[in-house]
Protein backbone atom coordinates (compact mmCIF):
# COMPACT_ATOMS: atom_id res chain seq x y z
CA MET A 1 106.01 187.70 129.24
CA LEU A 2 106.50 184.56 126.34
CA ARG A 3 105.68 182.23 128.66
CA ASN A 4 101.99 183.97 130.03
CA PHE A 5 101.48 184.22 126.10
CA ALA A 6 102.67 180.41 125.75
CA SER A 7 100.21 179.79 128.39
CA ARG A 8 97.46 181.59 126.95
CA GLN A 9 98.18 179.38 123.47
CA LEU A 10 97.88 176.11 124.76
CA SER A 11 94.87 176.82 126.67
CA ILE A 12 93.41 177.78 123.46
CA ALA A 13 94.96 175.16 121.55
CA ALA A 14 93.79 172.34 124.38
CA VAL A 15 90.08 173.88 123.43
CA LEU A 16 90.19 174.10 119.33
CA PRO A 17 91.19 172.12 116.60
CA LEU A 18 95.13 173.06 115.00
CA SER A 19 94.19 171.08 111.57
CA GLY A 20 97.51 169.57 112.19
CA LEU A 21 99.83 172.39 113.41
CA MET A 22 100.15 171.11 116.45
CA LEU A 23 103.27 169.12 116.76
CA LEU A 24 103.65 166.39 119.86
CA THR A 25 106.03 164.63 121.41
CA VAL A 26 105.39 162.22 124.62
CA SER A 27 108.60 161.26 126.59
CA ARG A 28 108.31 159.60 130.51
CA ALA A 29 110.79 161.09 132.58
CA CYS A 30 113.41 158.44 133.30
CA GLY A 31 112.73 156.33 136.37
CA ALA A 32 109.37 157.49 137.39
CA ALA A 33 106.72 154.77 138.21
CA GLU A 34 104.77 152.77 136.18
CA PRO A 35 100.92 153.25 136.90
CA THR A 36 97.78 151.41 135.64
CA PRO A 37 97.17 152.31 132.20
CA GLY A 38 93.93 154.28 132.10
CA VAL A 39 93.04 154.60 135.59
CA GLU A 40 96.05 156.52 137.35
CA GLU A 41 97.73 159.64 136.25
CA ILE A 42 100.60 159.75 134.10
CA LYS A 43 103.22 162.19 135.68
CA ASN A 44 105.76 163.31 134.31
CA VAL A 45 105.03 163.19 130.17
CA THR A 46 106.71 165.93 127.75
CA ILE A 47 104.45 167.07 125.06
CA ALA A 48 105.63 169.82 122.84
CA VAL A 49 103.53 172.23 121.29
CA GLY A 50 105.23 174.03 117.99
CA GLY A 51 107.97 173.07 119.22
CA GLN A 52 108.07 174.51 122.87
CA PRO A 53 107.88 171.65 125.42
CA TYR A 54 105.77 171.21 128.41
CA THR A 55 105.82 168.97 131.01
CA GLY A 56 102.78 167.56 133.00
CA ASP A 57 100.11 165.14 133.51
CA LEU A 58 98.06 163.02 131.68
CA ILE A 59 94.60 162.71 133.43
CA PRO A 60 92.45 159.34 133.15
CA PRO A 61 89.59 158.77 131.74
CA ALA A 62 90.49 160.00 127.78
CA THR A 63 87.31 159.35 125.85
CA GLU A 64 86.64 159.32 121.75
CA SER A 65 87.22 162.82 121.52
CA GLY A 66 90.08 163.95 123.64
CA PHE A 67 92.18 163.52 126.91
CA LYS A 68 92.77 165.95 129.67
CA PHE A 69 96.23 167.10 130.23
CA ARG A 70 97.64 169.19 133.73
CA TRP A 71 100.37 171.15 132.75
CA SER A 72 103.10 171.62 135.42
CA GLU A 73 104.01 175.10 135.63
CA THR A 74 100.92 176.51 135.97
CA GLY A 75 98.48 173.78 137.28
CA ASP A 76 96.12 174.46 134.57
CA LEU A 77 93.59 171.04 133.62
CA LEU A 78 93.32 171.53 130.18
CA THR A 79 91.85 169.23 127.59
CA PHE A 80 92.81 168.24 123.97
CA ARG A 81 91.30 166.73 120.84
CA TRP A 82 92.42 163.57 119.23
CA SER A 83 92.04 165.29 115.66
CA SER A 84 94.51 168.51 116.70
CA LEU A 85 97.28 165.07 116.65
CA GLU A 86 99.31 163.94 114.05
CA GLU A 87 98.50 159.99 113.84
CA SER A 88 101.38 159.21 115.26
CA GLU A 89 101.40 160.83 118.48
CA ARG A 90 97.29 160.35 118.54
CA THR A 91 98.50 156.61 118.62
CA LYS A 92 101.35 157.17 121.51
CA VAL A 93 99.41 159.13 123.68
CA GLN A 94 96.32 156.86 123.43
CA LYS A 95 98.07 154.04 124.15
CA PHE A 96 99.20 155.48 127.41
CA PHE A 97 95.55 155.85 128.16
CA GLY A 98 95.42 152.15 127.40
CA ILE A 99 92.84 152.75 124.83
CA LYS A 100 91.98 152.97 120.98
CA VAL A 101 89.33 155.25 118.83
CA ALA A 102 87.96 153.71 116.39
CA GLU A 103 88.18 154.96 113.06
CA GLY A 104 85.91 158.30 112.58
CA GLY A 105 85.94 159.10 116.10
CA THR A 106 82.38 157.97 116.71
CA HIS A 107 83.61 155.65 119.90
CA LEU A 108 86.34 153.78 122.12
CA GLU A 109 87.02 150.50 120.72
CA TRP A 110 87.30 148.03 123.87
CA GLY A 111 86.98 143.90 124.38
CA GLU A 112 88.91 141.13 122.33
CA GLU A 113 88.55 140.28 118.34
CA VAL A 114 85.29 138.44 117.35
CA GLU A 115 84.93 136.63 114.28
CA CYS A 116 82.03 138.18 112.43
CA VAL A 117 80.92 137.79 108.71
CA ARG A 118 79.95 140.96 106.26
CA LEU A 119 76.79 139.98 104.44
CA LYS A 120 76.07 141.75 100.73
CA LEU A 121 71.86 141.91 100.34
CA PRO A 122 70.10 143.32 97.13
CA ASN A 123 70.17 146.94 96.41
CA ASN A 124 73.85 146.51 96.77
CA ARG A 125 73.24 146.64 100.88
CA PHE A 126 75.71 145.08 103.66
CA LEU A 127 75.28 143.69 106.96
CA GLU A 128 77.86 143.54 109.46
CA GLY A 129 77.99 141.32 112.96
CA LYS A 130 78.09 137.95 114.34
CA LEU A 131 76.28 135.25 113.09
CA GLU A 132 74.40 133.39 115.88
CA PRO A 133 73.04 130.34 114.44
CA GLU A 134 72.04 129.03 118.14
CA ARG A 135 69.19 131.94 117.86
CA ALA A 136 68.22 131.59 113.82
CA LEU A 137 65.16 130.54 112.89
CA PRO A 138 65.11 127.61 110.13
CA GLY A 139 66.11 129.47 106.48
CA PHE A 140 67.78 132.28 108.19
CA HIS A 141 70.93 133.59 109.50
CA CYS A 142 70.74 135.59 113.01
CA ILE A 143 73.07 138.25 112.59
CA ARG A 144 73.76 140.78 115.57
CA ASN A 145 75.85 143.96 116.18
CA ALA A 146 76.09 146.49 119.31
CA THR A 147 72.56 147.95 118.13
CA GLN A 148 70.22 144.99 116.94
CA VAL A 149 69.35 141.45 116.69
CA VAL A 150 68.44 140.61 112.70
CA GLN A 151 67.18 137.44 110.97
CA ILE A 152 67.79 137.80 107.65
CA PRO A 153 66.09 134.82 105.36
CA GLN A 154 69.26 132.71 103.73
CA HIS A 155 68.13 133.33 100.20
CA GLU A 156 68.68 137.10 100.26
CA VAL A 157 72.20 136.94 101.48
CA LEU A 158 74.21 136.86 97.85
CA SER A 159 77.71 136.57 99.34
CA MET A 160 79.14 136.11 102.98
CA GLU A 161 82.38 137.36 103.70
CA LYS A 162 84.81 136.42 107.09
CA ILE A 163 85.91 139.47 108.81
CA ARG A 164 87.29 140.24 112.10
CA LYS A 165 85.98 142.79 114.82
CA LYS A 166 85.55 144.18 118.16
CA GLU A 167 83.44 143.63 120.57
CA SER A 168 82.26 146.99 120.81
CA ASP A 169 80.61 146.80 117.55
CA ILE A 170 78.83 143.67 118.68
CA TYR A 171 77.65 143.44 122.47
CA PRO A 172 76.14 146.15 124.70
CA PRO A 173 78.34 147.48 127.42
CA GLU A 174 76.58 145.58 129.79
CA GLU A 175 76.54 142.71 128.03
CA ALA A 176 79.83 142.98 127.30
CA LEU A 177 80.83 143.62 130.84
CA ASN A 178 79.36 139.71 131.89
CA ILE A 179 81.31 138.50 129.24
CA ILE A 180 84.52 139.92 130.40
CA LEU A 181 84.00 138.87 133.73
CA LEU A 182 83.37 135.00 132.83
CA ARG A 183 86.60 135.06 130.50
CA THR A 184 88.82 136.83 133.28
CA PRO A 185 86.90 137.01 136.49
CA PRO A 186 89.34 139.01 138.86
CA GLN A 187 91.10 137.55 141.88
CA PRO A 188 89.61 138.43 145.19
CA ASP A 189 93.10 139.73 146.39
CA SER A 190 94.29 141.25 143.40
CA ALA A 191 93.56 145.18 143.49
CA ALA A 192 95.03 145.06 140.09
CA ASP A 193 92.19 143.17 138.47
CA TYR A 194 89.61 145.39 140.24
CA LEU A 195 91.61 148.69 138.94
CA GLU A 196 91.54 147.20 135.49
CA LEU A 197 88.10 146.16 135.47
CA ALA A 198 87.11 150.14 136.53
CA ARG A 199 89.59 151.03 133.32
CA LYS A 200 87.58 149.02 131.24
CA CYS A 201 84.20 149.85 132.57
CA SER A 202 85.59 153.53 131.82
CA ILE A 203 85.61 153.12 128.27
CA MET A 204 82.87 151.36 127.76
CA GLY A 205 80.88 154.22 129.47
CA LEU A 206 79.71 152.09 132.52
CA TYR A 207 81.26 154.91 135.14
CA GLU A 208 78.81 153.52 138.07
CA GLN A 209 80.54 150.03 137.58
CA ALA A 210 83.77 151.31 137.48
CA MET A 211 83.02 153.49 140.57
CA ASP A 212 82.49 150.20 142.42
CA TYR A 213 85.42 148.08 141.29
CA LEU A 214 87.63 150.89 142.47
CA ASP A 215 86.14 150.80 145.98
CA MET A 216 86.72 146.92 145.53
CA ALA A 217 90.93 147.65 144.88
CA LYS A 218 90.70 149.90 147.64
CA SER A 219 89.21 147.44 150.02
CA ILE A 220 92.22 145.00 148.80
CA ASP A 221 94.87 148.27 148.70
CA ALA A 222 94.34 151.54 150.94
CA THR A 223 96.96 152.80 148.42
CA THR A 224 95.16 152.87 145.42
CA GLU A 225 92.63 155.81 146.86
CA GLU A 226 94.79 158.35 146.51
CA ARG A 227 96.55 157.26 143.30
CA THR A 228 93.21 157.04 141.57
CA ARG A 229 91.76 160.27 143.01
CA ASP A 230 91.78 162.18 139.77
CA PHE A 231 90.75 159.07 137.87
CA ARG A 232 86.88 158.70 140.12
CA LYS A 233 86.18 162.52 139.72
CA GLU A 234 86.11 162.11 136.33
CA LEU A 235 83.95 159.03 136.73
CA VAL A 236 81.50 160.88 138.96
CA VAL A 237 81.09 163.77 137.03
CA LYS A 238 80.76 161.86 133.83
CA HIS A 239 77.89 159.81 135.69
CA GLN A 240 76.21 162.79 137.05
CA GLU A 241 76.68 164.36 133.13
CA VAL A 242 74.50 160.99 131.49
CA GLN A 243 72.04 160.61 134.51
CA ALA A 244 70.82 164.11 134.36
CA SER A 245 70.74 164.43 130.89
CA LYS A 246 68.62 161.87 130.62
CA LEU A 247 66.12 162.83 133.02
CA TYR A 248 66.06 166.28 131.68
CA GLU A 249 65.48 165.02 128.28
CA GLN A 250 62.34 162.75 129.94
CA ILE A 251 61.02 166.27 131.52
CA VAL A 252 60.48 167.76 128.34
CA MET A 253 58.87 165.27 126.47
CA ASP A 254 56.39 164.58 128.99
CA ILE A 255 56.12 168.48 128.75
CA HIS A 256 55.46 168.39 125.19
CA ARG A 257 53.06 165.46 125.49
CA GLU A 258 51.38 167.72 128.26
CA GLU A 259 51.81 164.93 130.87
CA PHE A 260 52.24 167.64 133.72
CA GLY A 261 52.01 165.14 136.51
CA GLY A 262 54.53 162.81 134.95
CA ALA A 263 57.15 166.22 134.40
CA LEU A 264 56.14 167.75 138.01
CA ALA A 265 57.70 164.26 139.40
CA LYS A 266 60.81 164.13 137.18
CA CYS A 267 61.52 167.97 138.11
CA ASN A 268 61.53 166.96 142.04
CA LYS A 269 63.82 163.76 141.11
CA PHE A 270 65.91 166.36 139.54
CA ILE A 271 66.76 169.01 141.98
CA ALA A 272 67.02 166.12 144.52
CA ASN A 273 69.24 164.01 142.87
CA PHE A 274 71.14 166.34 140.97
CA PRO A 275 71.11 169.74 143.01
CA ASN A 276 74.40 170.99 141.54
CA SER A 277 73.80 170.38 138.04
CA GLU A 278 74.34 173.27 135.51
CA ARG A 279 70.74 172.58 134.51
CA VAL A 280 69.39 172.96 137.84
CA THR A 281 68.21 176.12 137.36
CA LYS A 282 66.28 175.62 134.17
CA VAL A 283 64.45 172.94 135.63
CA GLN A 284 63.57 175.33 138.90
CA SER A 285 62.03 177.67 136.57
CA LEU A 286 59.67 175.18 134.67
CA MET A 287 58.14 173.70 138.16
CA PRO A 288 55.71 176.90 138.88
CA GLU A 289 54.31 176.47 135.60
CA ILE A 290 54.70 172.68 135.84
CA THR A 291 53.08 172.88 138.76
CA ASP A 292 50.06 175.13 138.05
CA LYS A 293 48.84 172.83 135.09
CA SER A 294 49.41 169.38 136.80
CA LYS A 295 46.50 170.55 139.43
CA VAL A 296 43.75 171.77 136.68
CA ASP A 297 42.20 168.54 135.58
CA ILE A 298 43.53 165.70 138.20
CA SER A 299 41.60 162.86 136.45
CA LYS A 300 43.53 163.38 132.96
CA GLN A 301 47.40 163.72 135.16
CA VAL A 302 46.13 160.88 136.67
CA ILE A 303 44.64 158.51 133.21
CA PHE A 304 47.82 159.67 131.18
CA MET A 305 50.32 158.60 133.69
CA TYR A 306 49.20 155.88 134.22
CA TYR A 307 49.06 154.83 130.85
CA ASN A 308 52.68 156.26 130.11
CA LEU A 309 54.55 155.18 132.99
CA LEU A 310 53.71 151.19 132.32
CA THR A 311 56.56 151.03 130.31
CA GLN A 312 59.07 152.92 132.19
CA ALA A 313 58.26 150.87 134.97
CA ILE A 314 57.99 147.28 133.12
CA GLN A 315 61.60 148.57 132.11
CA GLU A 316 63.01 149.62 135.40
CA ARG A 317 62.04 145.73 137.18
CA MET A 318 63.61 144.09 134.25
CA ALA A 319 66.90 145.61 134.47
CA LYS A 320 66.46 145.55 139.06
CA LYS A 321 68.72 142.34 139.78
CA ILE A 322 67.91 140.50 142.57
CA LYS A 323 70.65 139.93 145.09
CA ILE A 324 71.05 136.43 146.56
CA ASP A 325 73.00 134.64 149.77
CA ALA A 326 75.66 131.79 149.70
CA LYS A 327 72.12 129.55 149.95
CA GLY A 328 70.81 131.16 146.67
CA LEU A 329 68.08 132.61 148.51
CA PRO A 330 66.68 136.63 147.54
CA VAL A 331 68.40 139.04 150.00
CA ALA A 332 65.58 141.60 151.69
CA ALA A 333 66.40 145.25 150.24
CA ILE A 334 67.40 147.66 152.98
CA PRO A 335 66.59 151.34 151.45
CA GLY A 336 69.45 154.20 151.61
CA LYS A 337 71.48 157.03 150.09
CA GLN A 338 74.69 157.29 148.01
CA VAL A 339 75.97 160.64 148.29
CA THR A 340 78.58 161.97 145.47
CA THR A 341 80.72 165.22 146.53
CA ARG A 342 82.27 167.17 143.96
CA THR A 343 85.90 165.88 145.28
CA GLY A 344 84.74 162.05 144.25
CA ASN A 345 83.90 161.01 147.66
CA ILE A 346 81.33 158.40 147.78
CA ILE A 347 79.00 158.08 150.88
CA ARG A 348 76.75 155.41 151.51
CA GLY A 349 74.46 155.10 154.06
CA GLU A 350 70.51 155.70 155.62
CA PRO A 351 69.65 159.35 155.80
CA GLN A 352 68.77 161.20 158.74
CA GLY A 353 67.24 164.55 159.28
CA GLY A 354 64.68 164.33 156.27
CA GLU A 355 65.54 165.84 152.40
CA MET A 356 68.01 168.46 151.28
CA GLY A 357 67.03 172.03 152.85
CA ALA A 358 65.77 170.68 156.26
CA THR A 359 68.67 170.27 158.06
CA GLY A 360 70.50 173.49 157.92
CA GLY A 361 72.19 173.52 154.60
CA VAL A 362 74.00 169.76 155.38
CA VAL A 363 72.54 166.34 154.19
CA LYS A 364 73.37 163.55 157.12
CA ILE A 365 74.02 159.64 156.32
CA ARG A 366 74.59 157.08 159.04
CA GLN A 367 76.79 154.40 158.94
CA GLY A 368 76.25 152.38 162.19
CA ASP A 369 77.11 154.46 165.10
CA LEU A 370 78.74 156.73 163.38
CA THR A 371 76.89 159.83 161.15
CA ILE A 372 78.52 161.86 158.87
CA GLU A 373 77.14 165.43 157.64
CA ILE A 374 77.92 166.96 154.23
CA PRO A 375 77.53 170.10 153.04
CA GLU A 376 74.44 170.84 150.36
CA LYS A 377 77.10 173.05 148.38
CA ASP A 378 79.91 170.22 148.06
CA ILE A 379 77.49 167.83 147.05
CA LEU A 380 77.14 166.10 143.31
CA THR A 381 74.48 163.52 143.44
CA ILE A 382 72.06 162.13 145.84
CA GLN A 383 70.93 158.33 144.85
CA ASP A 384 68.76 155.68 146.67
CA ILE A 385 70.36 152.80 146.51
CA ASP A 386 69.91 149.22 148.11
CA LEU A 387 72.35 148.83 151.21
CA SER A 388 71.46 144.79 151.39
CA LYS A 389 74.59 142.57 151.57
CA GLY A 390 74.45 139.51 149.03
CA VAL A 391 77.33 137.22 147.23
CA LYS A 392 75.57 138.18 143.78
CA MET A 393 72.98 139.73 141.44
CA VAL A 394 70.98 137.69 139.22
CA PRO A 395 68.40 139.44 136.87
CA PRO A 396 65.07 138.52 137.62
CA THR A 397 63.36 135.11 136.14
CA PHE A 398 60.23 135.15 133.84
CA GLU A 399 58.30 134.08 136.09
CA GLU A 400 59.11 136.50 138.42
CA LEU A 401 58.88 139.51 135.95
CA LYS A 402 55.54 137.72 135.17
CA ALA A 403 54.10 137.67 138.48
CA TYR A 404 54.75 141.29 138.80
CA VAL A 405 52.94 142.29 135.33
CA THR A 406 49.77 140.92 136.14
CA ASP A 407 49.78 141.68 139.85
CA ALA A 408 46.91 144.97 139.82
CA SER A 409 47.03 145.56 143.67
CA GLY A 410 50.68 144.98 145.00
CA GLY A 411 52.90 144.64 141.84
CA LEU A 412 52.99 146.86 138.81
CA GLY A 413 49.75 148.27 139.40
CA GLY A 414 50.56 149.53 142.63
CA ASP A 415 53.53 150.37 141.54
CA LEU A 416 51.55 152.81 139.18
CA ILE A 417 48.77 153.96 141.56
CA ASN A 418 51.82 154.97 144.34
CA ARG A 419 54.50 156.82 141.43
CA ILE A 420 51.39 158.99 140.53
CA SER A 421 50.42 159.38 144.19
CA THR A 422 53.71 160.76 144.85
CA ALA A 423 53.58 162.82 141.90
CA LEU A 424 50.63 164.87 142.22
CA GLY A 425 50.25 164.94 145.98
CA ARG A 426 47.37 162.41 146.09
CA THR A 427 46.70 159.83 148.58
CA PRO A 428 46.89 156.13 147.12
CA SER A 429 43.31 155.57 147.52
CA GLU A 430 42.68 159.33 145.80
CA VAL A 431 44.75 157.75 142.55
CA ARG A 432 43.18 154.15 142.65
CA GLU A 433 39.33 155.58 142.67
CA ILE A 434 40.44 158.20 139.67
CA TRP A 435 41.68 155.22 137.71
CA GLU A 436 38.98 152.69 138.75
CA ASN A 437 36.39 154.83 137.81
CA ARG A 438 38.30 156.15 134.41
CA PHE A 439 35.04 155.17 132.18
CA VAL A 440 32.36 156.83 134.89
CA GLN A 441 30.54 159.75 133.20
CA THR A 442 28.13 162.30 134.33
CA ALA A 443 25.81 164.44 132.47
CA VAL A 444 24.02 167.57 132.04
CA LEU A 445 20.81 168.72 130.84
CA LYS A 446 20.95 172.66 129.97
CA ASP A 447 18.67 174.72 127.75
CA GLY A 448 18.46 171.35 125.73
CA VAL A 449 21.86 170.57 125.47
CA LEU A 450 23.25 167.25 127.18
CA THR A 451 26.50 168.14 128.30
CA LYS A 452 28.92 165.13 129.24
CA THR A 453 31.96 165.11 131.58
CA PRO A 454 35.39 164.11 129.55
CA VAL A 455 36.38 160.64 129.08
CA TYR A 456 40.37 160.40 129.18
CA THR A 457 40.60 156.78 128.28
CA ARG A 458 42.31 155.65 125.04
CA LEU A 459 42.36 152.26 122.87
CA ASN A 460 46.15 150.79 123.21
CA LYS A 461 47.86 147.84 121.56
CA ALA A 462 49.91 145.44 122.83
CA PHE A 463 51.65 142.30 121.22
CA TYR A 464 52.57 138.74 122.36
CA ASP A 465 54.79 138.35 119.32
CA LYS A 466 55.99 135.28 119.37
CA GLY A 467 55.99 135.11 123.20
CA SER A 468 52.10 134.28 122.49
CA TRP A 469 52.52 130.80 123.60
CA LEU A 470 53.37 131.71 127.19
CA ARG A 471 50.14 132.75 127.77
CA VAL A 472 48.36 129.23 126.32
CA ALA A 473 48.83 126.41 128.97
CA GLY A 474 49.56 123.53 127.06
CA ALA A 475 50.34 125.11 123.17
CA ALA A 476 53.67 124.24 123.06
CA GLY A 477 54.67 121.27 120.82
CA THR A 478 51.04 121.57 118.95
CA GLY A 479 50.13 121.56 115.63
CA THR A 480 53.62 119.80 114.39
CA GLY A 481 52.15 118.16 111.36
CA ASN A 482 50.80 115.33 112.31
CA ASN A 483 47.70 116.05 110.20
CA ARG A 484 50.09 115.41 107.22
CA ASN A 485 50.97 112.17 109.18
CA ARG A 486 47.04 111.59 108.87
CA GLN A 487 46.77 112.51 105.43
CA GLN A 488 50.10 111.10 103.84
CA GLY A 489 49.92 108.09 105.74
CA GLY A 490 49.78 105.19 103.02
CA GLY A 491 49.49 101.46 103.57
CA GLY A 492 47.88 98.44 101.53
CA ASN A 493 45.86 97.86 104.81
CA THR A 494 44.52 98.97 108.50
CA ARG A 495 47.92 97.92 109.97
CA GLN A 496 50.46 99.55 108.29
CA ARG A 497 48.71 102.79 107.95
CA ILE A 498 48.60 102.59 111.39
CA ARG A 499 52.84 101.68 111.74
CA ASN A 500 53.64 104.78 108.76
CA LEU A 501 51.34 107.11 111.15
CA ILE A 502 53.26 105.59 114.63
CA ASP A 503 56.48 105.84 112.82
CA GLY A 504 55.77 109.48 111.34
CA GLN A 505 54.53 110.93 115.11
CA GLN A 506 57.92 108.93 116.78
CA GLN A 507 60.34 110.70 113.89
CA GLN A 508 58.25 114.02 114.63
CA GLN A 509 58.64 113.89 118.34
CA ASP A 510 62.13 112.93 118.36
CA GLU A 511 62.88 115.83 115.49
CA GLN A 512 61.45 118.17 118.03
CA GLU A 513 63.02 116.92 121.00
CA LYS A 514 66.35 117.76 119.19
CA LEU A 515 65.65 121.09 118.18
CA LYS A 516 64.81 121.59 121.78
CA GLN A 517 68.29 120.37 122.75
CA MET A 518 70.13 122.10 120.24
CA PHE A 519 68.90 125.62 120.25
CA PRO A 520 66.95 127.32 122.65
CA GLU A 521 64.28 129.09 120.68
CA TYR A 522 62.60 125.57 120.31
CA SER A 523 62.68 124.70 123.98
CA ASP A 524 59.32 124.13 125.92
CA ASP A 525 60.89 125.44 129.27
CA PRO A 526 59.67 129.11 129.45
CA GLU A 527 62.93 130.38 131.82
CA VAL A 528 65.39 128.60 129.12
CA TRP A 529 63.20 130.40 126.37
CA TRP A 530 62.99 134.18 127.94
CA LYS A 531 66.96 133.49 128.05
CA VAL A 532 67.71 134.11 124.49
CA GLN A 533 65.50 136.72 123.98
CA SER A 534 66.22 140.18 123.49
CA ASP A 535 65.10 143.11 125.49
CA GLU A 536 63.25 144.18 123.50
CA CYS A 537 61.19 140.91 123.04
CA LYS A 538 60.60 140.60 126.37
CA LEU A 539 59.16 144.07 126.72
CA LYS A 540 56.36 143.38 124.57
CA ILE A 541 55.60 140.41 125.99
CA LEU A 542 55.48 141.65 129.64
CA ARG A 543 53.02 144.82 128.12
CA ALA A 544 51.20 142.63 126.84
CA PHE A 545 50.64 140.52 130.18
CA ALA A 546 50.10 143.31 132.06
CA ALA A 547 47.62 145.01 129.14
CA GLU A 548 45.42 141.27 129.89
CA ASN A 549 45.37 141.81 133.59
CA ILE A 550 45.92 145.00 135.27
CA PHE A 551 44.07 146.81 132.02
CA LYS A 552 40.31 147.19 130.73
CA VAL A 553 40.77 144.27 127.81
CA LYS A 554 38.20 145.46 124.95
CA GLU A 555 39.20 142.76 122.97
CA LEU A 556 41.95 139.75 121.82
CA GLN A 557 43.22 139.70 118.44
CA GLY A 558 44.51 136.89 115.99
CA LYS A 559 47.32 138.16 113.74
CA THR A 560 48.73 135.80 110.96
CA CYS A 561 51.87 134.45 112.38
CA PRO A 562 54.82 136.05 109.45
CA GLU A 563 57.06 132.86 109.58
CA CYS A 564 55.10 130.06 109.19
CA GLY A 565 52.06 132.10 107.25
CA GLY A 566 49.82 130.56 109.68
CA LYS A 567 50.59 127.30 109.38
CA GLY A 568 52.21 126.75 112.23
CA VAL A 569 55.02 124.65 110.68
CA ILE A 570 57.60 125.32 108.64
CA GLU A 571 59.59 123.28 106.07
CA ARG A 572 63.45 122.62 106.79
CA MET A 573 65.57 121.87 104.16
CA GLY A 574 67.04 118.22 104.38
CA HIS A 575 64.23 116.91 106.58
CA ASN A 576 61.02 115.07 105.17
CA GLU A 577 58.59 116.48 107.82
CA PRO A 578 57.85 119.88 108.98
CA VAL A 579 58.57 121.21 112.08
CA MET A 580 56.88 123.56 114.69
CA CYS A 581 57.29 127.04 114.04
CA PRO A 582 59.33 128.55 116.62
CA SER A 583 57.63 131.77 116.25
CA CYS A 584 53.98 131.16 116.71
CA ARG A 585 54.71 127.24 118.11
CA GLY A 586 51.73 126.06 116.74
CA LEU A 587 49.14 128.41 117.31
CA LYS A 588 49.12 129.90 113.82
CA VAL A 589 49.07 133.73 115.14
CA HIS A 590 50.43 135.82 117.51
CA THR A 591 48.02 137.44 120.02
CA VAL A 592 47.22 141.41 119.74
CA VAL A 593 45.91 142.51 123.03
CA LEU A 594 43.13 145.85 122.57
CA TYR A 595 43.29 147.43 126.06
CA GLU A 596 41.54 150.89 128.02
């Protein structure tokens, strides 16, 4: 009875804060094999709750809020919060997992320490981050952290203090992973290296990448599959939770905006991809009403969806890396499915026999000559994947992205038509006809009253911002201060004035070339310049290209460049001559597109 009571109390303690009343002592059984921290189970760990010892296994991965513990006496899987542990004991357990929770429990820390600064700004404001001088505009400090890249005028900085911060405070997870791979690339024949990468990815919240690295480790050492089985299960569940939550939020947003066509498409995707999610019943209950409302005014739904899918389609294309072969050539995509089961199995291949529910309660996946049948009740997620093989993945170039967003028939325009067609159950030709005739109205005169059919178009704005120079051929390098040379070129005779002008122009050209070599922000090569821009900046520019090419342009406006005040050049300390403004490239304005 006492044991049963203790079991109940332990279960309660596992999910509720104990306000420091729980005393935990950690020890490992003698002779236990050393597992890979944070990836394999840490077995035979003894903890003491209220003076009573309990033995079990620590189950990775741990999170910023707590960890899981399997009590060996009952087999129960319990969850403990870090806040329930004394600091010294919390540190011991986190060391077993190979993690460290940030102060305040906001996130898991990861990565190496980085030299950073703390800037004191007016009004007692502070900004911490890593200085990136190669991205700084003249007269500015460029500072970055995990959420933003900011240009701070140097004259606003009251003081600058050197500090050190973890990479988790500086880089977003995807960028940090690339840094880690460049710094310590895994050995092709080392399962341990890939297990370590899986651990790091799980800490960074990159659950899908973590599962990929587990597969790589398994291909080298088959024994890792059993050793990491529980770890993989947790990764699958966490990845499914994140993806399902994001998609559900998008459905709710579409309903609030009365974009029922988009909501219907996302509901179908949710049910297909997350058939056993706890939210699937709620999504299914929403579908009848959404379906009815999506049919009320098909023209309205088509036009609204075309506008609102624009950003999503561009973002997905930006994130879609391209597989290349050993010769650096793109590899053709092979559409396939990835089925993840509740037991953590991941099965990839070509789908057979139609959608879920059409094959007698099973999903069939073909791998070469082998066809695998998976019961629907055992499926956690189903995802569309690319089955093609390549030696590496590379992000799309500026020219590739530009070609995509400016193609009204086969690129971005075609993607939008096909997405709307699938969502609303109309043919692509019907959708395209509605979109192309969106300005057409008819009117009926009845009893002296003229009634017009509604028009659902709306006026939108897109901003090229500092990418305005990309749309103007030959604009880079113009307006860099030569007029000033002509005005100030002195001398007692015509020959001297010409010499002064030539010298001034040569000095200016040398200065510009030096800047371009030192700072990618000044480069005339679009691809070089594009690589150092933020995703937000890239998205704005691509939206503007799309607005000018696949929509009807109402007006092109010039917004005065905020960096140079419309002069086209800026002054730099220690230099006699002004230099080309890196924001407008001498154009003096940023281009704004008004489109319908």
